[in-house]
Amino acid sequence: MKTVTFEKDGPDTIVRINGTIIGRLTGEEHQRKLQWRAGQDLDAEKVEAFDLGYGDSDRSENAVTRELKKAGFL
């Protein structure tokens, strides 16, 4: 099973799946976004599904994990 971890980096949070950085959460609480790491070979449909779900969420770390799972990353 894949695991999601979070690492604070100043005002941002680095998001990893199984130790590999996939992106960075930036912005303030209700405007947080996941900036996907450039150079990753990610399925565009999964990225779009995550972005839509996360945009409608409370933007918490729990929401990141839940939406990654729904989009098929986990």
Protein backbone atom coordinates (compact mmCIF):
# COMPACT_ATOMS: atom_id res chain seq x y z
CA MET A 1 0.00 0.00 0.00
CA LYS A 2 1.29 3.44 -0.90
CA THR A 3 1.67 6.03 1.84
CA VAL A 4 1.35 9.80 1.73
CA THR A 5 3.61 11.92 3.91
CA PHE A 6 3.77 15.65 4.50
CA GLU A 7 6.81 17.75 5.35
CA LYS A 8 6.62 21.41 6.35
CA ASP A 9 8.87 23.68 4.28
CA GLY A 10 8.36 27.23 5.49
CA PRO A 11 4.79 28.26 4.67
CA ASP A 12 4.44 25.36 2.20
CA THR A 13 4.06 21.63 2.69
CA ILE A 14 5.89 19.04 0.57
CA VAL A 15 3.72 16.06 -0.40
CA ARG A 16 5.30 12.64 -0.99
CA ILE A 17 3.95 9.28 -2.08
CA ASN A 18 6.19 6.45 -0.87
CA GLY A 19 9.01 8.95 -0.34
CA THR A 20 8.84 10.49 -3.84
CA ILE A 21 7.95 14.17 -3.95
CA ILE A 22 4.86 14.68 -6.08
CA GLY A 23 4.24 18.33 -5.29
CA ARG A 24 3.95 21.16 -2.85
CA LEU A 25 0.91 22.57 -1.08
CA THR A 26 1.05 26.35 -1.36
CA GLY A 27 -1.20 29.23 -0.40
CA GLU A 28 -3.29 29.96 2.63
CA GLU A 29 -5.90 27.65 4.15
CA HIS A 30 -8.99 27.97 1.92
CA GLN A 31 -6.89 28.83 -1.15
CA ARG A 32 -4.31 26.04 -0.86
CA LYS A 33 -3.33 24.32 -4.08
CA LEU A 34 -1.12 21.39 -4.93
CA GLN A 35 1.61 22.48 -7.30
CA TRP A 36 2.60 19.27 -9.03
CA ARG A 37 6.31 18.66 -9.33
CA ALA A 38 7.56 19.25 -12.86
CA GLY A 39 9.07 16.28 -14.67
CA GLN A 40 6.82 13.68 -13.07
CA ASP A 41 5.15 11.36 -15.53
CA LEU A 42 1.68 11.64 -14.03
CA ASP A 43 -1.59 10.65 -15.67
CA ALA A 44 -3.28 13.95 -16.68
CA GLU A 45 -6.76 12.52 -15.96
CA LYS A 46 -5.73 11.59 -12.42
CA VAL A 47 -4.22 15.04 -11.87
CA GLU A 48 -7.42 16.69 -13.09
CA ALA A 49 -9.59 14.44 -10.90
CA PHE A 50 -7.44 15.29 -7.87
CA ASP A 51 -7.51 19.03 -8.60
CA LEU A 52 -11.31 19.06 -8.94
CA GLY A 53 -11.88 17.05 -5.76
CA TYR A 54 -9.33 18.97 -3.72
CA GLY A 55 -10.75 22.28 -4.90
CA ASP A 56 -14.13 21.30 -3.45
CA SER A 57 -12.64 20.08 -0.15
CA ASP A 58 -11.61 21.77 3.09
CA ARG A 59 -8.01 21.82 1.72
CA SER A 60 -6.61 19.85 4.66
CA GLU A 61 -3.89 17.21 4.57
CA ASN A 62 -6.61 14.60 5.14
CA ALA A 63 -8.33 15.93 2.01
CA VAL A 64 -5.08 15.53 0.06
CA THR A 65 -4.84 11.86 1.03
CA ARG A 66 -8.54 11.24 0.36
CA GLU A 67 -8.46 12.92 -3.07
CA LEU A 68 -5.21 11.18 -4.08
CA LYS A 69 -6.93 7.89 -3.26
CA LYS A 70 -10.12 8.82 -5.17
CA ALA A 71 -8.07 9.92 -8.20
CA GLY A 72 -6.21 6.60 -8.26
CA PHE A 73 -2.75 7.67 -7.11
CA LEU A 74 -2.88 5.36 -4.06
